[in-house]
Amino acid sequence: MDPVFVLVHSPSVGPSTWHPVAQHLTAAGHRVRVPSLLHIADGAPPFWPRVVDAVRDDLRQTPAGSPVTLVAHSNAGLFVPAVRSGLDRPVTHSVFVDAALPARSGRTPVASRELLEFLRPMAVKGRPLVTSAR
């Protein structure tokens, strides 16, 4: 069975960042899902369980048992180990597209100090503001 490409967007932007890639893959005959992570900042940390839930819930639109190729962009790369272990289907490949890599062992910081300094001015009341990527 061919894998489902699951395109996971950065939490700093919306799923529309993947739409051109999704259209290209779909036109080439591949199954593609682009789960939205826009709601993961709702509520208190930790956020990763909501990322896993979002991907798992979105995959319900595909046949059970379909293998998955996870494609993560930017800081979504940090969630790949949690998503892989949280799915009830095989993840055959993980692709990191200009993505942060999780630590090989131990804890992975959510973001570098430099990235946090860059993002803080874009937040409203401590939350990311995403408008154009919906």
N, C-alpha and C. Protein backbone atom coordinates (compact mmCIF):
# COMPACT_ATOMS: atom_id res chain seq x y z
N MET A 1 0.85 -1.17 0.00
CA MET A 1 0.00 0.00 0.00
C MET A 1 0.90 1.24 0.00
N ASP A 2 0.57 2.20 -0.83
CA ASP A 2 1.35 3.45 -0.90
C ASP A 2 1.14 4.27 0.37
N PRO A 3 2.18 4.98 0.79
CA PRO A 3 2.04 5.76 2.02
C PRO A 3 1.18 7.00 1.81
N VAL A 4 0.67 7.50 2.92
CA VAL A 4 0.00 8.79 2.96
C VAL A 4 1.06 9.81 3.36
N PHE A 5 1.20 10.85 2.58
CA PHE A 5 2.11 11.94 2.94
C PHE A 5 1.37 12.85 3.92
N VAL A 6 1.91 13.00 5.12
CA VAL A 6 1.33 13.88 6.12
C VAL A 6 2.25 15.07 6.25
N LEU A 7 1.80 16.20 5.74
CA LEU A 7 2.59 17.43 5.72
C LEU A 7 2.25 18.23 6.97
N VAL A 8 3.21 18.32 7.89
CA VAL A 8 2.99 18.97 9.19
C VAL A 8 3.63 20.35 9.15
N HIS A 9 2.79 21.37 9.29
CA HIS A 9 3.29 22.74 9.21
C HIS A 9 3.89 23.19 10.53
N SER A 10 4.69 24.22 10.46
CA SER A 10 5.26 24.82 11.65
C SER A 10 4.15 25.39 12.51
N PRO A 11 4.29 25.31 13.83
CA PRO A 11 3.29 25.94 14.68
C PRO A 11 3.26 27.46 14.53
N SER A 12 4.29 28.04 13.94
CA SER A 12 4.35 29.50 13.76
C SER A 12 3.58 29.98 12.54
N VAL A 13 3.20 29.06 11.67
CA VAL A 13 2.45 29.42 10.46
C VAL A 13 1.27 28.46 10.33
N GLY A 14 0.52 28.58 9.28
CA GLY A 14 -0.64 27.72 9.12
C GLY A 14 -0.46 26.66 8.06
N PRO A 15 -1.47 25.79 7.89
CA PRO A 15 -1.38 24.69 6.94
C PRO A 15 -1.29 25.13 5.49
N SER A 16 -1.69 26.36 5.19
CA SER A 16 -1.64 26.80 3.79
C SER A 16 -0.21 26.84 3.25
N THR A 17 0.78 26.84 4.14
CA THR A 17 2.17 26.81 3.67
C THR A 17 2.46 25.52 2.90
N TRP A 18 1.69 24.47 3.17
CA TRP A 18 1.89 23.19 2.49
C TRP A 18 0.97 23.00 1.29
N HIS A 19 0.00 23.88 1.07
CA HIS A 19 -0.98 23.64 0.02
C HIS A 19 -0.38 23.46 -1.38
N PRO A 20 0.60 24.26 -1.81
CA PRO A 20 1.17 24.01 -3.14
C PRO A 20 1.83 22.63 -3.25
N VAL A 21 2.50 22.20 -2.21
CA VAL A 21 3.15 20.88 -2.22
C VAL A 21 2.07 19.79 -2.23
N ALA A 22 1.03 19.97 -1.43
CA ALA A 22 -0.06 19.00 -1.39
C ALA A 22 -0.71 18.86 -2.76
N GLN A 23 -0.94 19.98 -3.43
CA GLN A 23 -1.54 19.94 -4.76
C GLN A 23 -0.64 19.20 -5.75
N HIS A 24 0.65 19.45 -5.69
CA HIS A 24 1.60 18.79 -6.58
C HIS A 24 1.62 17.27 -6.32
N LEU A 25 1.69 16.87 -5.06
CA LEU A 25 1.71 15.45 -4.74
C LEU A 25 0.41 14.77 -5.13
N THR A 26 -0.71 15.44 -4.89
CA THR A 26 -2.01 14.88 -5.26
C THR A 26 -2.11 14.71 -6.77
N ALA A 27 -1.65 15.71 -7.51
CA ALA A 27 -1.67 15.63 -8.97
C ALA A 27 -0.80 14.48 -9.49
N ALA A 28 0.23 14.13 -8.72
CA ALA A 28 1.11 13.02 -9.10
C ALA A 28 0.56 11.67 -8.65
N GLY A 29 -0.65 11.68 -8.04
CA GLY A 29 -1.30 10.43 -7.67
C GLY A 29 -1.08 9.97 -6.24
N HIS A 30 -0.51 10.81 -5.40
CA HIS A 30 -0.26 10.43 -4.01
C HIS A 30 -1.41 10.87 -3.10
N ARG A 31 -1.58 10.14 -2.01
CA ARG A 31 -2.53 10.55 -0.98
C ARG A 31 -1.80 11.51 -0.04
N VAL A 32 -2.46 12.62 0.29
CA VAL A 32 -1.83 13.67 1.09
C VAL A 32 -2.82 14.17 2.13
N ARG A 33 -2.30 14.42 3.32
CA ARG A 33 -3.08 15.05 4.38
C ARG A 33 -2.27 16.22 4.91
N VAL A 34 -2.95 17.31 5.26
CA VAL A 34 -2.31 18.50 5.84
C VAL A 34 -3.10 18.86 7.10
N PRO A 35 -2.79 18.22 8.22
CA PRO A 35 -3.52 18.55 9.44
C PRO A 35 -3.22 19.96 9.91
N SER A 36 -4.20 20.59 10.50
CA SER A 36 -4.01 21.95 11.02
C SER A 36 -3.55 21.88 12.47
N LEU A 37 -2.52 22.65 12.77
CA LEU A 37 -2.03 22.77 14.15
C LEU A 37 -2.36 24.13 14.74
N LEU A 38 -3.24 24.86 14.09
CA LEU A 38 -3.53 26.21 14.54
C LEU A 38 -4.10 26.27 15.95
N HIS A 39 -4.73 25.23 16.40
CA HIS A 39 -5.36 25.23 17.72
C HIS A 39 -4.43 24.75 18.83
N ILE A 40 -3.22 24.31 18.53
CA ILE A 40 -2.41 23.69 19.58
C ILE A 40 -2.00 24.66 20.67
N ALA A 41 -1.97 25.94 20.39
CA ALA A 41 -1.59 26.91 21.42
C ALA A 41 -2.73 27.19 22.39
N ASP A 42 -3.93 26.66 22.09
CA ASP A 42 -5.06 26.83 23.00
C ASP A 42 -4.83 25.95 24.22
N GLY A 43 -4.84 26.53 25.37
CA GLY A 43 -4.62 25.77 26.59
C GLY A 43 -3.18 25.87 27.05
N ALA A 44 -2.91 25.22 28.14
CA ALA A 44 -1.59 25.27 28.76
C ALA A 44 -0.66 24.23 28.14
N PRO A 45 0.64 24.48 28.24
CA PRO A 45 1.60 23.47 27.79
C PRO A 45 1.44 22.20 28.63
N PRO A 46 1.87 21.07 28.18
CA PRO A 46 2.65 20.85 26.95
C PRO A 46 1.74 20.82 25.71
N PHE A 47 2.30 21.24 24.60
CA PHE A 47 1.55 21.32 23.35
C PHE A 47 1.62 20.04 22.53
N TRP A 48 2.70 19.26 22.70
CA TRP A 48 2.91 18.11 21.83
C TRP A 48 1.76 17.11 21.85
N PRO A 49 1.06 16.87 22.97
CA PRO A 49 -0.06 15.92 22.87
C PRO A 49 -1.15 16.40 21.91
N ARG A 50 -1.36 17.71 21.81
CA ARG A 50 -2.37 18.23 20.89
C ARG A 50 -1.90 18.11 19.44
N VAL A 51 -0.59 18.18 19.22
CA VAL A 51 -0.05 17.95 17.87
C VAL A 51 -0.31 16.51 17.46
N VAL A 52 0.01 15.58 18.34
CA VAL A 52 -0.22 14.16 18.05
C VAL A 52 -1.71 13.92 17.79
N ASP A 53 -2.57 14.47 18.62
CA ASP A 53 -4.02 14.31 18.42
C ASP A 53 -4.47 14.87 17.08
N ALA A 54 -3.94 16.04 16.70
CA ALA A 54 -4.33 16.66 15.43
C ALA A 54 -3.96 15.77 14.25
N VAL A 55 -2.76 15.22 14.28
CA VAL A 55 -2.32 14.35 13.17
C VAL A 55 -3.13 13.05 13.18
N ARG A 56 -3.29 12.45 14.34
CA ARG A 56 -4.05 11.20 14.45
C ARG A 56 -5.49 11.40 13.99
N ASP A 57 -6.12 12.49 14.43
CA ASP A 57 -7.51 12.76 14.03
C ASP A 57 -7.62 12.98 12.53
N ASP A 58 -6.67 13.70 11.95
CA ASP A 58 -6.71 13.96 10.51
C ASP A 58 -6.53 12.66 9.72
N LEU A 59 -5.72 11.76 10.22
CA LEU A 59 -5.48 10.50 9.52
C LEU A 59 -6.69 9.58 9.51
N ARG A 60 -7.69 9.90 10.32
CA ARG A 60 -8.92 9.09 10.29
C ARG A 60 -9.62 9.20 8.94
N GLN A 61 -9.22 10.18 8.14
CA GLN A 61 -9.79 10.37 6.80
C GLN A 61 -9.19 9.38 5.79
N THR A 62 -8.23 8.58 6.23
CA THR A 62 -7.54 7.64 5.33
C THR A 62 -7.79 6.21 5.80
N PRO A 63 -7.59 5.23 4.92
CA PRO A 63 -7.80 3.84 5.33
C PRO A 63 -6.89 3.45 6.50
N ALA A 64 -7.46 2.73 7.45
CA ALA A 64 -6.68 2.27 8.61
C ALA A 64 -5.52 1.40 8.13
N GLY A 65 -4.42 1.52 8.77
CA GLY A 65 -3.26 0.72 8.42
C GLY A 65 -2.41 1.29 7.31
N SER A 66 -2.86 2.38 6.68
CA SER A 66 -2.04 2.98 5.63
C SER A 66 -0.74 3.48 6.23
N PRO A 67 0.39 3.12 5.61
CA PRO A 67 1.66 3.64 6.12
C PRO A 67 1.74 5.15 5.91
N VAL A 68 2.55 5.78 6.74
CA VAL A 68 2.64 7.24 6.75
C VAL A 68 4.07 7.68 6.45
N THR A 69 4.19 8.72 5.64
CA THR A 69 5.43 9.45 5.49
C THR A 69 5.20 10.82 6.10
N LEU A 70 5.84 11.08 7.23
CA LEU A 70 5.72 12.38 7.90
C LEU A 70 6.67 13.36 7.25
N VAL A 71 6.17 14.53 6.92
CA VAL A 71 7.00 15.59 6.34
C VAL A 71 6.79 16.82 7.22
N ALA A 72 7.84 17.20 7.94
CA ALA A 72 7.74 18.28 8.91
C ALA A 72 8.51 19.51 8.43
N HIS A 73 7.91 20.67 8.66
CA HIS A 73 8.53 21.94 8.30
C HIS A 73 8.85 22.73 9.57
N SER A 74 10.01 23.34 9.59
CA SER A 74 10.42 24.26 10.63
C SER A 74 10.35 23.58 12.00
N ASN A 75 9.75 24.25 12.99
CA ASN A 75 9.73 23.68 14.34
C ASN A 75 8.81 22.47 14.47
N ALA A 76 8.04 22.14 13.45
CA ALA A 76 7.27 20.90 13.49
C ALA A 76 8.19 19.69 13.54
N GLY A 77 9.44 19.87 13.10
CA GLY A 77 10.40 18.78 13.19
C GLY A 77 10.61 18.29 14.62
N LEU A 78 10.44 19.18 15.58
CA LEU A 78 10.61 18.81 16.98
C LEU A 78 9.53 17.83 17.45
N PHE A 79 8.39 17.83 16.77
CA PHE A 79 7.28 16.96 17.17
C PHE A 79 7.33 15.57 16.53
N VAL A 80 8.23 15.35 15.58
CA VAL A 80 8.23 14.09 14.83
C VAL A 80 8.33 12.87 15.74
N PRO A 81 9.24 12.81 16.71
CA PRO A 81 9.28 11.61 17.55
C PRO A 81 7.96 11.35 18.29
N ALA A 82 7.33 12.40 18.81
CA ALA A 82 6.07 12.23 19.53
C ALA A 82 4.97 11.77 18.58
N VAL A 83 4.92 12.35 17.39
CA VAL A 83 3.88 11.96 16.42
C VAL A 83 4.10 10.51 16.00
N ARG A 84 5.35 10.16 15.68
CA ARG A 84 5.64 8.77 15.28
C ARG A 84 5.16 7.78 16.32
N SER A 85 5.48 8.05 17.59
CA SER A 85 5.12 7.09 18.63
C SER A 85 3.65 7.15 18.99
N GLY A 86 2.96 8.25 18.64
CA GLY A 86 1.56 8.40 19.00
C GLY A 86 0.57 7.91 17.96
N LEU A 87 1.07 7.49 16.80
CA LEU A 87 0.15 7.02 15.76
C LEU A 87 -0.08 5.53 15.87
N ASP A 88 -1.23 5.09 15.42
CA ASP A 88 -1.57 3.66 15.46
C ASP A 88 -1.36 3.00 14.11
N ARG A 89 -0.45 3.55 13.35
CA ARG A 89 -0.10 2.99 12.04
C ARG A 89 1.39 3.20 11.80
N PRO A 90 1.96 2.44 10.89
CA PRO A 90 3.41 2.55 10.70
C PRO A 90 3.82 3.87 10.03
N VAL A 91 4.87 4.46 10.55
CA VAL A 91 5.50 5.62 9.91
C VAL A 91 6.75 5.09 9.22
N THR A 92 6.70 5.06 7.89
CA THR A 92 7.80 4.45 7.14
C THR A 92 8.95 5.41 6.88
N HIS A 93 8.64 6.70 6.84
CA HIS A 93 9.68 7.71 6.58
C HIS A 93 9.35 9.00 7.32
N SER A 94 10.40 9.71 7.66
CA SER A 94 10.26 11.06 8.21
C SER A 94 11.15 11.98 7.40
N VAL A 95 10.58 13.06 6.90
CA VAL A 95 11.31 14.02 6.08
C VAL A 95 11.29 15.36 6.81
N PHE A 96 12.44 15.98 6.94
CA PHE A 96 12.57 17.27 7.61
C PHE A 96 12.86 18.32 6.56
N VAL A 97 11.92 19.25 6.35
CA VAL A 97 12.05 20.29 5.33
C VAL A 97 12.38 21.60 6.03
N ASP A 98 13.62 22.03 5.91
CA ASP A 98 14.07 23.23 6.60
C ASP A 98 13.56 23.21 8.03
N ALA A 99 13.75 22.05 8.68
CA ALA A 99 13.12 21.80 9.97
C ALA A 99 14.13 21.65 11.09
N ALA A 100 13.68 21.97 12.27
CA ALA A 100 14.47 21.74 13.48
C ALA A 100 14.52 20.24 13.73
N LEU A 101 15.68 19.79 14.15
CA LEU A 101 15.84 18.37 14.45
C LEU A 101 15.71 18.14 15.95
N PRO A 102 14.97 17.11 16.33
CA PRO A 102 14.87 16.80 17.76
C PRO A 102 16.22 16.32 18.29
N ALA A 103 16.41 16.46 19.59
CA ALA A 103 17.65 15.98 20.21
C ALA A 103 17.76 14.47 20.04
N ARG A 104 18.97 13.98 19.91
CA ARG A 104 19.17 12.52 19.79
C ARG A 104 18.80 11.80 21.07
N SER A 105 18.97 12.48 22.19
CA SER A 105 18.58 11.90 23.48
C SER A 105 18.28 13.06 24.43
N GLY A 106 17.52 12.75 25.46
CA GLY A 106 17.18 13.78 26.42
C GLY A 106 16.10 14.70 25.91
N ARG A 107 16.01 15.84 26.54
CA ARG A 107 14.96 16.82 26.22
C ARG A 107 15.35 17.65 25.00
N THR A 108 14.34 18.05 24.26
CA THR A 108 14.53 18.93 23.11
C THR A 108 13.92 20.27 23.45
N PRO A 109 14.71 21.36 23.38
CA PRO A 109 14.11 22.67 23.64
C PRO A 109 13.09 23.02 22.56
N VAL A 110 12.05 23.73 22.95
CA VAL A 110 11.00 24.11 22.00
C VAL A 110 11.56 25.04 20.93
N ALA A 111 12.42 25.95 21.33
CA ALA A 111 13.00 26.89 20.38
C ALA A 111 14.28 27.45 20.98
N SER A 112 15.15 27.85 20.09
CA SER A 112 16.38 28.48 20.54
C SER A 112 16.06 29.86 21.11
N ARG A 113 16.96 30.38 21.90
CA ARG A 113 16.77 31.73 22.46
C ARG A 113 16.61 32.74 21.34
N GLU A 114 17.38 32.59 20.26
CA GLU A 114 17.30 33.54 19.14
C GLU A 114 15.92 33.50 18.48
N LEU A 115 15.39 32.28 18.29
CA LEU A 115 14.07 32.18 17.66
C LEU A 115 12.99 32.78 18.56
N LEU A 116 13.07 32.52 19.87
CA LEU A 116 12.10 33.10 20.79
C LEU A 116 12.16 34.62 20.77
N GLU A 117 13.35 35.18 20.71
CA GLU A 117 13.49 36.65 20.64
C GLU A 117 12.89 37.19 19.35
N PHE A 118 13.01 36.43 18.27
CA PHE A 118 12.44 36.83 16.99
C PHE A 118 10.91 36.77 17.04
N LEU A 119 10.35 35.71 17.66
CA LEU A 119 8.90 35.50 17.65
C LEU A 119 8.13 36.33 18.67
N ARG A 120 8.75 36.66 19.80
CA ARG A 120 8.01 37.38 20.86
C ARG A 120 7.32 38.64 20.37
N PRO A 121 7.95 39.49 19.55
CA PRO A 121 7.25 40.70 19.10
C PRO A 121 6.03 40.41 18.23
N MET A 122 5.93 39.21 17.69
CA MET A 122 4.80 38.85 16.84
C MET A 122 3.63 38.28 17.63
N ALA A 123 3.81 38.09 18.92
CA ALA A 123 2.76 37.50 19.75
C ALA A 123 1.81 38.57 20.26
N VAL A 124 0.58 38.17 20.47
CA VAL A 124 -0.44 39.03 21.06
C VAL A 124 -0.89 38.37 22.36
N LYS A 125 -0.67 39.06 23.47
CA LYS A 125 -1.00 38.51 24.79
C LYS A 125 -0.33 37.16 25.00
N GLY A 126 0.92 37.05 24.55
CA GLY A 126 1.68 35.82 24.77
C GLY A 126 1.37 34.68 23.84
N ARG A 127 0.50 34.89 22.85
CA ARG A 127 0.12 33.83 21.92
C ARG A 127 0.53 34.21 20.50
N PRO A 128 0.91 33.21 19.69
CA PRO A 128 1.26 33.52 18.31
C PRO A 128 0.07 34.06 17.55
N LEU A 129 0.32 35.02 16.70
CA LEU A 129 -0.73 35.58 15.86
C LEU A 129 -0.51 35.07 14.45
N VAL A 130 -1.41 34.23 13.97
CA VAL A 130 -1.34 33.69 12.62
C VAL A 130 -2.59 34.15 11.89
N THR A 131 -2.39 34.96 10.85
CA THR A 131 -3.56 35.47 10.14
C THR A 131 -3.58 35.05 8.69
N SER A 132 -2.49 35.22 7.97
CA SER A 132 -2.50 34.98 6.53
C SER A 132 -2.38 33.52 6.16
N ALA A 133 -2.00 32.65 7.07
CA ALA A 133 -1.74 31.26 6.72
C ALA A 133 -2.94 30.36 6.96
N ARG A 134 -4.08 30.88 7.31
CA ARG A 134 -5.24 30.04 7.55
C ARG A 134 -5.82 29.67 6.24
